[in-house]
Amino acid sequence: MTRRRWIALGAVVVVLGVVGAGGWWWLSRDRAREVTIEEAQKRLGSTTTAAAGGLEGRPAQGVYEYRGDGKDSLSLPPLSQSQGPGLPGTVELLDDGCWTFRIDYSSNHWQDWKYCRRSTGLMEITSHTWQRWLIGPTALTALATFECEDTPALPEPRRPGQVWRARCSGTNDRVSGTVGNSGPYRFVGMEVMRIGGEAVDAAHFRRERTLTGAQKGTEKGDVWFAASNGLPLRNERRIELRTDTPVGASVYKESGHFELVSLRPTR
């Protein structure tokens, strides 16, 4: 975040000290809401139908129904907002044989990943995370963009206990400098999950990443992908991230999970 923005936030924090409890509630209340399936379909456009499904080991294009919950919080200024319970997930197929998956945690928070097939399996190429924080009438947004190098999502071949190294680097448009994102990616093993009453072969991975540089912190979680096409089936995560500002350190925390409801996209 630019120095001018952080100074403005510092002024907000000082003002809050004299506003009183009622004013503080109004300024910091959680105004995030769940994103509807219809909103996600409208954003994807007329290609929402599943006509392109399963090509080249990719999931069908469209909007999938996920359910889950979670919470985002900031220590400075002290804010929090909820995720879910409905979390639409959007698959969009790309011309180069790759595809993107986007999950809408709330109206104030989404994340996406670009995946591509390589000789070593399905790889994570890029990712974006967007958030909006509402402080009274002011909306502050942030977009983080990461590019990855040889970072596996669904590697092949694989055996239980095998570990790969994730390596990504990116920026946040509210922070000066670059952020490193790396750590071990461990294959826990194959499991059978029931999604909408159907049995699915799921590849379970444990993800641990350390963030360094302009922002510092950790990300830990477990992810399950459909072994046949890489569609995310379940995601559990815990994130803690520290950003130094002119008015002190701000710590961001996130915890949550989401799980697929049906193997077929909505129509």
C-alpha atoms as a PDB file:
ATOM      1  CA  MET A   1       0.000   0.000   0.000  1.00  0.00           C
ATOM      2  CA  THR A   2       1.362   3.482  -0.818  1.00  0.00           C
ATOM      3  CA  ARG A   3       2.596   5.713   1.983  1.00  0.00           C
ATOM      4  CA  ARG A   4      -0.265   8.170   1.415  1.00  0.00           C
ATOM      5  CA  ARG A   5      -2.841   5.384   1.705  1.00  0.00           C
ATOM      6  CA  TRP A   6      -1.302   4.049   4.927  1.00  0.00           C
ATOM      7  CA  ILE A   7      -1.166   7.511   6.452  1.00  0.00           C
ATOM      8  CA  ALA A   8      -4.847   7.890   5.597  1.00  0.00           C
ATOM      9  CA  LEU A   9      -5.558   4.592   7.299  1.00  0.00           C
ATOM     10  CA  GLY A  10      -3.576   5.742  10.324  1.00  0.00           C
ATOM     11  CA  ALA A  11      -5.748   8.825  10.524  1.00  0.00           C
ATOM     12  CA  VAL A  12      -8.824   6.602  10.391  1.00  0.00           C
ATOM     13  CA  VAL A  13      -7.495   4.581  13.324  1.00  0.00           C
ATOM     14  CA  VAL A  14      -6.949   7.764  15.362  1.00  0.00           C
ATOM     15  CA  VAL A  15     -10.429   9.021  14.538  1.00  0.00           C
ATOM     16  CA  LEU A  16     -11.919   5.719  15.634  1.00  0.00           C
ATOM     17  CA  GLY A  17     -10.577   6.337  19.117  1.00  0.00           C
ATOM     18  CA  VAL A  18     -12.940   9.270  19.550  1.00  0.00           C
ATOM     19  CA  VAL A  19     -15.919   8.034  17.569  1.00  0.00           C
ATOM     20  CA  GLY A  20     -17.186   5.707  20.307  1.00  0.00           C
ATOM     21  CA  ALA A  21     -18.461   2.150  20.280  1.00  0.00           C
ATOM     22  CA  GLY A  22     -21.494   2.820  18.095  1.00  0.00           C
ATOM     23  CA  GLY A  23     -19.485   4.625  15.433  1.00  0.00           C
ATOM     24  CA  TRP A  24     -16.783   1.937  15.499  1.00  0.00           C
ATOM     25  CA  TRP A  25     -19.367  -0.756  14.811  1.00  0.00           C
ATOM     26  CA  TRP A  26     -20.664   1.216  11.801  1.00  0.00           C
ATOM     27  CA  LEU A  27     -17.187   1.762  10.394  1.00  0.00           C
ATOM     28  CA  SER A  28     -15.907  -1.802  10.770  1.00  0.00           C
ATOM     29  CA  ARG A  29     -18.953  -4.022  10.350  1.00  0.00           C
ATOM     30  CA  ASP A  30     -18.717  -7.026   8.016  1.00  0.00           C
ATOM     31  CA  ARG A  31     -20.409  -6.167   4.736  1.00  0.00           C
ATOM     32  CA  ALA A  32     -19.137  -9.115   2.699  1.00  0.00           C
ATOM     33  CA  ARG A  33     -21.864 -11.349   1.243  1.00  0.00           C
ATOM     34  CA  GLU A  34     -21.840 -14.610  -0.647  1.00  0.00           C
ATOM     35  CA  VAL A  35     -21.632 -14.473  -4.434  1.00  0.00           C
ATOM     36  CA  THR A  36     -24.518 -16.218  -6.180  1.00  0.00           C
ATOM     37  CA  ILE A  37     -24.248 -18.838  -8.908  1.00  0.00           C
ATOM     38  CA  GLU A  38     -26.135 -16.460 -11.213  1.00  0.00           C
ATOM     39  CA  GLU A  39     -23.585 -13.693 -10.665  1.00  0.00           C
ATOM     40  CA  ALA A  40     -20.722 -16.050 -11.482  1.00  0.00           C
ATOM     41  CA  GLN A  41     -22.527 -17.311 -14.590  1.00  0.00           C
ATOM     42  CA  LYS A  42     -23.118 -13.757 -15.780  1.00  0.00           C
ATOM     43  CA  ARG A  43     -19.428 -12.932 -15.384  1.00  0.00           C
ATOM     44  CA  LEU A  44     -18.407 -16.014 -17.383  1.00  0.00           C
ATOM     45  CA  GLY A  45     -20.939 -15.168 -20.076  1.00  0.00           C
ATOM     46  CA  SER A  46     -22.638 -17.325 -22.668  1.00  0.00           C
ATOM     47  CA  THR A  47     -19.886 -20.008 -22.529  1.00  0.00           C
ATOM     48  CA  THR A  48     -21.120 -21.187 -19.117  1.00  0.00           C
ATOM     49  CA  THR A  49     -22.552 -24.452 -20.478  1.00  0.00           C
ATOM     50  CA  ALA A  50     -20.479 -27.615 -20.140  1.00  0.00           C
ATOM     51  CA  ALA A  51     -20.066 -28.333 -23.872  1.00  0.00           C
ATOM     52  CA  ALA A  52     -16.261 -28.248 -23.681  1.00  0.00           C
ATOM     53  CA  GLY A  53     -15.987 -30.642 -20.754  1.00  0.00           C
ATOM     54  CA  GLY A  54     -13.219 -33.133 -20.238  1.00  0.00           C
ATOM     55  CA  LEU A  55     -11.046 -32.115 -23.206  1.00  0.00           C
ATOM     56  CA  GLU A  56      -7.361 -32.969 -22.788  1.00  0.00           C
ATOM     57  CA  GLY A  57      -7.855 -33.984 -19.159  1.00  0.00           C
ATOM     58  CA  ARG A  58      -9.528 -30.709 -18.220  1.00  0.00           C
ATOM     59  CA  PRO A  59     -12.791 -30.269 -16.307  1.00  0.00           C
ATOM     60  CA  ALA A  60     -15.915 -29.044 -18.073  1.00  0.00           C
ATOM     61  CA  GLN A  61     -16.166 -25.293 -18.460  1.00  0.00           C
ATOM     62  CA  GLY A  62     -18.785 -23.611 -16.309  1.00  0.00           C
ATOM     63  CA  VAL A  63     -19.747 -22.580 -12.795  1.00  0.00           C
ATOM     64  CA  TYR A  64     -19.637 -25.247 -10.089  1.00  0.00           C
ATOM     65  CA  GLU A  65     -21.370 -25.181  -6.730  1.00  0.00           C
ATOM     66  CA  TYR A  66     -19.097 -25.226  -3.685  1.00  0.00           C
ATOM     67  CA  ARG A  67     -20.005 -24.849  -0.018  1.00  0.00           C
ATOM     68  CA  GLY A  68     -17.802 -23.758   2.841  1.00  0.00           C
ATOM     69  CA  ASP A  69     -16.968 -21.047   5.323  1.00  0.00           C
ATOM     70  CA  GLY A  70     -14.066 -18.955   6.514  1.00  0.00           C
ATOM     71  CA  LYS A  71     -12.912 -15.616   7.834  1.00  0.00           C
ATOM     72  CA  ASP A  72     -10.506 -12.861   6.756  1.00  0.00           C
ATOM     73  CA  SER A  73      -9.135 -10.439   9.352  1.00  0.00           C
ATOM     74  CA  LEU A  74      -6.747  -7.493   9.618  1.00  0.00           C
ATOM     75  CA  SER A  75      -5.080  -6.330  12.832  1.00  0.00           C
ATOM     76  CA  LEU A  76      -4.532  -2.747  11.586  1.00  0.00           C
ATOM     77  CA  PRO A  77      -7.086  -1.396  11.168  1.00  0.00           C
ATOM     78  CA  PRO A  78      -8.959  -4.108  13.099  1.00  0.00           C
ATOM     79  CA  LEU A  79     -11.369  -5.475  10.507  1.00  0.00           C
ATOM     80  CA  SER A  80     -12.861  -8.862   9.653  1.00  0.00           C
ATOM     81  CA  GLN A  81     -15.206 -10.329   7.071  1.00  0.00           C
ATOM     82  CA  SER A  82     -16.753 -13.733   6.456  1.00  0.00           C
ATOM     83  CA  GLN A  83     -16.691 -16.218   3.572  1.00  0.00           C
ATOM     84  CA  GLY A  84     -19.501 -18.363   2.159  1.00  0.00           C
ATOM     85  CA  PRO A  85     -21.529 -20.366   2.777  1.00  0.00           C
ATOM     86  CA  GLY A  86     -22.084 -20.481  -0.991  1.00  0.00           C
ATOM     87  CA  LEU A  87     -18.798 -20.208  -2.937  1.00  0.00           C
ATOM     88  CA  PRO A  88     -19.200 -20.519  -6.718  1.00  0.00           C
ATOM     89  CA  GLY A  89     -16.186 -21.962  -8.515  1.00  0.00           C
ATOM     90  CA  THR A  90     -15.674 -21.058 -12.174  1.00  0.00           C
ATOM     91  CA  VAL A  91     -13.712 -23.115 -14.704  1.00  0.00           C
ATOM     92  CA  GLU A  92     -12.768 -21.313 -17.913  1.00  0.00           C
ATOM     93  CA  LEU A  93     -10.956 -23.190 -20.690  1.00  0.00           C
ATOM     94  CA  LEU A  94      -8.202 -21.307 -22.538  1.00  0.00           C
ATOM     95  CA  ASP A  95      -7.029 -21.520 -26.140  1.00  0.00           C
ATOM     96  CA  ASP A  96      -3.569 -22.801 -25.223  1.00  0.00           C
ATOM     97  CA  GLY A  97      -4.930 -25.982 -23.617  1.00  0.00           C
ATOM     98  CA  CYS A  98      -4.701 -24.476 -20.157  1.00  0.00           C
ATOM     99  CA  TRP A  99      -7.580 -23.464 -17.906  1.00  0.00           C
ATOM    100  CA  THR A 100      -8.367 -21.234 -14.950  1.00  0.00           C
ATOM    101  CA  PHE A 101     -10.223 -21.957 -11.752  1.00  0.00           C
ATOM    102  CA  ARG A 102     -11.708 -19.080  -9.742  1.00  0.00           C
ATOM    103  CA  ILE A 103     -13.347 -19.333  -6.328  1.00  0.00           C
ATOM    104  CA  ASP A 104     -15.499 -16.476  -5.005  1.00  0.00           C
ATOM    105  CA  TYR A 105     -15.106 -16.560  -1.226  1.00  0.00           C
ATOM    106  CA  SER A 106     -17.389 -13.513  -0.904  1.00  0.00           C
ATOM    107  CA  SER A 107     -18.318 -10.298  -2.698  1.00  0.00           C
ATOM    108  CA  ASN A 108     -15.105  -8.841  -1.204  1.00  0.00           C
ATOM    109  CA  HIS A 109     -12.668 -11.681  -1.909  1.00  0.00           C
ATOM    110  CA  TRP A 110     -11.834 -13.969  -4.821  1.00  0.00           C
ATOM    111  CA  GLN A 111      -8.860 -16.064  -5.897  1.00  0.00           C
ATOM    112  CA  ASP A 112      -7.933 -17.757  -9.161  1.00  0.00           C
ATOM    113  CA  TRP A 113      -5.272 -20.093 -10.536  1.00  0.00           C
ATOM    114  CA  LYS A 114      -4.136 -20.860 -14.068  1.00  0.00           C
ATOM    115  CA  TYR A 115      -3.258 -24.517 -14.675  1.00  0.00           C
ATOM    116  CA  CYS A 116      -1.508 -26.098 -17.666  1.00  0.00           C
ATOM    117  CA  ARG A 117      -0.655 -29.678 -18.599  1.00  0.00           C
ATOM    118  CA  ARG A 118       3.044 -30.424 -18.896  1.00  0.00           C
ATOM    119  CA  SER A 119       5.008 -33.637 -19.314  1.00  0.00           C
ATOM    120  CA  THR A 120       5.297 -33.732 -15.500  1.00  0.00           C
ATOM    121  CA  GLY A 121       1.545 -33.336 -14.909  1.00  0.00           C
ATOM    122  CA  LEU A 122      -0.764 -30.434 -14.128  1.00  0.00           C
ATOM    123  CA  MET A 123       1.221 -27.328 -13.150  1.00  0.00           C
ATOM    124  CA  GLU A 124       0.262 -24.069 -11.422  1.00  0.00           C
ATOM    125  CA  ILE A 125       1.292 -21.186 -13.706  1.00  0.00           C
ATOM    126  CA  THR A 126      -0.164 -18.001 -12.205  1.00  0.00           C
ATOM    127  CA  SER A 127      -2.559 -16.963  -9.459  1.00  0.00           C
ATOM    128  CA  HIS A 128      -4.404 -13.814  -8.397  1.00  0.00           C
ATOM    129  CA  THR A 129      -6.037 -12.805  -5.138  1.00  0.00           C
ATOM    130  CA  TRP A 130      -8.365  -9.786  -4.940  1.00  0.00           C
ATOM    131  CA  GLN A 131      -9.829  -8.280  -1.785  1.00  0.00           C
ATOM    132  CA  ARG A 132     -11.872  -5.261  -0.805  1.00  0.00           C
ATOM    133  CA  TRP A 133     -12.031  -3.794   2.685  1.00  0.00           C
ATOM    134  CA  LEU A 134     -14.778  -1.342   3.588  1.00  0.00           C
ATOM    135  CA  ILE A 135     -13.942   1.370   6.116  1.00  0.00           C
ATOM    136  CA  GLY A 136     -17.074   3.470   6.453  1.00  0.00           C
ATOM    137  CA  PRO A 137     -17.774   4.967   3.009  1.00  0.00           C
ATOM    138  CA  THR A 138     -14.265   4.119   1.769  1.00  0.00           C
ATOM    139  CA  ALA A 139     -13.465   0.928  -0.139  1.00  0.00           C
ATOM    140  CA  LEU A 140      -9.803  -0.106  -0.316  1.00  0.00           C
ATOM    141  CA  THR A 141      -8.940  -2.874  -2.788  1.00  0.00           C
ATOM    142  CA  ALA A 142      -5.809  -4.950  -3.266  1.00  0.00           C
ATOM    143  CA  LEU A 143      -4.757  -7.322  -6.050  1.00  0.00           C
ATOM    144  CA  ALA A 144      -1.886  -9.790  -5.612  1.00  0.00           C
ATOM    145  CA  THR A 145      -0.429 -11.478  -8.708  1.00  0.00           C
ATOM    146  CA  PHE A 146       1.983 -14.420  -8.602  1.00  0.00           C
ATOM    147  CA  GLU A 147       3.858 -16.236 -11.355  1.00  0.00           C
ATOM    148  CA  CYS A 148       5.179 -19.710 -10.640  1.00  0.00           C
ATOM    149  CA  GLU A 149       8.091 -21.778 -11.919  1.00  0.00           C
ATOM    150  CA  ASP A 150       7.833 -25.575 -12.083  1.00  0.00           C
ATOM    151  CA  THR A 151       5.149 -25.542  -9.388  1.00  0.00           C
ATOM    152  CA  PRO A 152       3.051 -28.724  -9.344  1.00  0.00           C
ATOM    153  CA  ALA A 153      -0.681 -28.951  -8.765  1.00  0.00           C
ATOM    154  CA  LEU A 154      -1.323 -32.572  -9.837  1.00  0.00           C
ATOM    155  CA  PRO A 155       2.132 -33.960 -10.653  1.00  0.00           C
ATOM    156  CA  GLU A 156       2.735 -37.269 -12.452  1.00  0.00           C
ATOM    157  CA  PRO A 157       4.028 -39.771 -11.574  1.00  0.00           C
ATOM    158  CA  ARG A 158       3.527 -39.532  -7.813  1.00  0.00           C
ATOM    159  CA  ARG A 159       3.800 -41.744  -4.763  1.00  0.00           C
ATOM    160  CA  PRO A 160       2.599 -41.186  -1.163  1.00  0.00           C
ATOM    161  CA  GLY A 161       5.088 -39.080   0.781  1.00  0.00           C
ATOM    162  CA  GLN A 162       6.750 -37.640  -2.323  1.00  0.00           C
ATOM    163  CA  VAL A 163       7.663 -33.935  -2.016  1.00  0.00           C
ATOM    164  CA  TRP A 164       8.077 -31.250  -4.682  1.00  0.00           C
ATOM    165  CA  ARG A 165       9.152 -27.616  -4.263  1.00  0.00           C
ATOM    166  CA  ALA A 166       6.797 -24.764  -5.134  1.00  0.00           C
ATOM    167  CA  ARG A 167       8.436 -21.551  -6.363  1.00  0.00           C
ATOM    168  CA  CYS A 168       6.451 -18.396  -7.099  1.00  0.00           C
ATOM    169  CA  SER A 169       7.115 -14.663  -7.067  1.00  0.00           C
ATOM    170  CA  GLY A 170       4.672 -11.791  -7.210  1.00  0.00           C
ATOM    171  CA  THR A 171       3.489  -8.348  -6.309  1.00  0.00           C
ATOM    172  CA  ASN A 172       0.650  -6.676  -4.449  1.00  0.00           C
ATOM    173  CA  ASP A 173      -0.587  -3.433  -5.954  1.00  0.00           C
ATOM    174  CA  ARG A 174      -0.818  -1.904  -2.446  1.00  0.00           C
ATOM    175  CA  VAL A 175       2.736  -2.796  -1.412  1.00  0.00           C
ATOM    176  CA  SER A 176       6.108  -1.720  -2.804  1.00  0.00           C
ATOM    177  CA  GLY A 177       8.464  -4.533  -3.737  1.00  0.00           C
ATOM    178  CA  THR A 178       8.182  -8.190  -4.630  1.00  0.00           C
ATOM    179  CA  VAL A 179       7.036 -11.140  -2.554  1.00  0.00           C
ATOM    180  CA  GLY A 180       8.546 -14.612  -2.704  1.00  0.00           C
ATOM    181  CA  ASN A 181       6.264 -17.616  -2.180  1.00  0.00           C
ATOM    182  CA  SER A 182       7.851 -21.060  -1.868  1.00  0.00           C
ATOM    183  CA  GLY A 183       7.728 -24.289   0.100  1.00  0.00           C
ATOM    184  CA  PRO A 184       7.168 -28.052   0.063  1.00  0.00           C
ATOM    185  CA  TYR A 185       4.220 -29.703  -1.665  1.00  0.00           C
ATOM    186  CA  ARG A 186       3.655 -33.220  -0.351  1.00  0.00           C
ATOM    187  CA  PHE A 187       1.502 -35.969  -1.839  1.00  0.00           C
ATOM    188  CA  VAL A 188      -0.441 -37.486   1.054  1.00  0.00           C
ATOM    189  CA  GLY A 189      -2.075 -40.200  -1.043  1.00  0.00           C
ATOM    190  CA  MET A 190      -5.124 -41.231  -3.041  1.00  0.00           C
ATOM    191  CA  GLU A 191      -8.538 -41.154  -1.388  1.00  0.00           C
ATOM    192  CA  VAL A 192     -12.120 -41.784  -2.455  1.00  0.00           C
ATOM    193  CA  MET A 193     -14.430 -38.820  -1.879  1.00  0.00           C
ATOM    194  CA  ARG A 194     -18.191 -38.748  -2.322  1.00  0.00           C
ATOM    195  CA  ILE A 195     -19.327 -35.680  -4.225  1.00  0.00           C
ATOM    196  CA  GLY A 196     -23.086 -35.397  -4.719  1.00  0.00           C
ATOM    197  CA  GLY A 197     -23.453 -39.105  -4.000  1.00  0.00           C
ATOM    198  CA  GLU A 198     -20.782 -40.091  -6.553  1.00  0.00           C
ATOM    199  CA  ALA A 199     -17.442 -41.722  -5.719  1.00  0.00           C
ATOM    200  CA  VAL A 200     -14.442 -39.763  -6.997  1.00  0.00           C
ATOM    201  CA  ASP A 201     -10.744 -40.676  -6.980  1.00  0.00           C
ATOM    202  CA  ALA A 202      -9.090 -37.754  -5.214  1.00  0.00           C
ATOM    203  CA  ALA A 203      -5.387 -36.885  -4.991  1.00  0.00           C
ATOM    204  CA  HIS A 204      -4.646 -35.348  -1.571  1.00  0.00           C
ATOM    205  CA  PHE A 205      -1.730 -32.907  -1.191  1.00  0.00           C
ATOM    206  CA  ARG A 206      -0.374 -30.928   1.767  1.00  0.00           C
ATOM    207  CA  ARG A 207       0.763 -27.434   0.882  1.00  0.00           C
ATOM    208  CA  GLU A 208       3.178 -25.316   2.954  1.00  0.00           C
ATOM    209  CA  ARG A 209       4.516 -22.004   1.728  1.00  0.00           C
ATOM    210  CA  THR A 210       6.634 -19.255   3.228  1.00  0.00           C
ATOM    211  CA  LEU A 211       6.244 -15.686   2.003  1.00  0.00           C
ATOM    212  CA  THR A 212       9.287 -13.414   2.029  1.00  0.00           C
ATOM    213  CA  GLY A 213      10.233  -9.926   0.864  1.00  0.00           C
ATOM    214  CA  ALA A 214       7.733  -7.069   0.882  1.00  0.00           C
ATOM    215  CA  GLN A 215       5.250  -9.232   2.821  1.00  0.00           C
ATOM    216  CA  LYS A 216       6.177 -12.024   5.224  1.00  0.00           C
ATOM    217  CA  GLY A 217       4.166 -14.952   6.486  1.00  0.00           C
ATOM    218  CA  THR A 218       3.042 -18.528   6.056  1.00  0.00           C
ATOM    219  CA  GLU A 219       0.381 -20.446   4.188  1.00  0.00           C
ATOM    220  CA  LYS A 220      -0.556 -23.987   5.210  1.00  0.00           C
ATOM    221  CA  GLY A 221      -3.292 -26.155   3.841  1.00  0.00           C
ATOM    222  CA  ASP A 222      -4.564 -29.357   2.313  1.00  0.00           C
ATOM    223  CA  VAL A 223      -5.973 -29.652  -1.202  1.00  0.00           C
ATOM    224  CA  TRP A 224      -7.786 -32.461  -2.987  1.00  0.00           C
ATOM    225  CA  PHE A 225      -7.948 -32.642  -6.808  1.00  0.00           C
ATOM    226  CA  ALA A 226      -9.973 -34.984  -9.004  1.00  0.00           C
ATOM    227  CA  ALA A 227      -7.340 -37.383 -10.324  1.00  0.00           C
ATOM    228  CA  SER A 228      -9.018 -37.542 -13.754  1.00  0.00           C
ATOM    229  CA  ASN A 229      -9.077 -33.847 -14.650  1.00  0.00           C
ATOM    230  CA  GLY A 230      -7.634 -31.692 -11.837  1.00  0.00           C
ATOM    231  CA  LEU A 231     -10.928 -30.170 -10.702  1.00  0.00           C
ATOM    232  CA  PRO A 232     -10.532 -28.925  -7.093  1.00  0.00           C
ATOM    233  CA  LEU A 233     -12.674 -31.064  -4.787  1.00  0.00           C
ATOM    234  CA  ARG A 234     -11.783 -29.659  -1.365  1.00  0.00           C
ATOM    235  CA  ASN A 235      -9.506 -26.949   0.019  1.00  0.00           C
ATOM    236  CA  GLU A 236      -8.510 -26.244   3.629  1.00  0.00           C
ATOM    237  CA  ARG A 237      -6.167 -23.342   4.387  1.00  0.00           C
ATOM    238  CA  ARG A 238      -4.614 -21.191   7.113  1.00  0.00           C
ATOM    239  CA  ILE A 239      -2.769 -18.003   6.163  1.00  0.00           C
ATOM    240  CA  GLU A 240      -0.931 -15.403   8.240  1.00  0.00           C
ATOM    241  CA  LEU A 241       0.755 -12.465   6.509  1.00  0.00           C
ATOM    242  CA  ARG A 242       2.549  -9.425   7.947  1.00  0.00           C
ATOM    243  CA  THR A 243       2.906  -6.094   6.146  1.00  0.00           C
ATOM    244  CA  ASP A 244       4.959  -3.243   7.628  1.00  0.00           C
ATOM    245  CA  THR A 245       3.331   0.194   7.291  1.00  0.00           C
ATOM    246  CA  PRO A 246       4.210   3.750   8.382  1.00  0.00           C
ATOM    247  CA  VAL A 247       1.713   3.378  11.252  1.00  0.00           C
ATOM    248  CA  GLY A 248       2.826  -0.085  12.382  1.00  0.00           C
ATOM    249  CA  ALA A 249       2.658  -3.719  11.287  1.00  0.00           C
ATOM    250  CA  SER A 250      -0.634  -5.020   9.941  1.00  0.00           C
ATOM    251  CA  VAL A 251      -1.223  -8.766  10.240  1.00  0.00           C
ATOM    252  CA  TYR A 252      -3.637 -10.468   7.858  1.00  0.00           C
ATOM    253  CA  LYS A 253      -5.135 -13.829   8.833  1.00  0.00           C
ATOM    254  CA  GLU A 254      -7.338 -16.152   6.839  1.00  0.00           C
ATOM    255  CA  SER A 255      -8.782 -19.554   7.629  1.00  0.00           C
ATOM    256  CA  GLY A 256     -11.435 -21.482   5.783  1.00  0.00           C
ATOM    257  CA  HIS A 257     -12.448 -24.401   3.635  1.00  0.00           C
ATOM    258  CA  PHE A 258     -14.591 -25.189   0.613  1.00  0.00           C
ATOM    259  CA  GLU A 259     -15.855 -28.449  -0.910  1.00  0.00           C
ATOM    260  CA  LEU A 260     -17.489 -29.314  -4.222  1.00  0.00           C
ATOM    261  CA  VAL A 261     -21.229 -30.103  -4.137  1.00  0.00           C
ATOM    262  CA  SER A 262     -21.675 -31.602  -7.636  1.00  0.00           C
ATOM    263  CA  LEU A 263     -19.290 -32.896 -10.283  1.00  0.00           C
ATOM    264  CA  ARG A 264     -21.249 -31.147 -13.017  1.00  0.00           C
ATOM    265  CA  PRO A 265     -21.377 -27.397 -13.584  1.00  0.00           C
ATOM    266  CA  THR A 266     -24.656 -25.591 -13.036  1.00  0.00           C
ATOM    267  CA  ARG A 267     -26.817 -24.772 -16.036  1.00  0.00           C
END
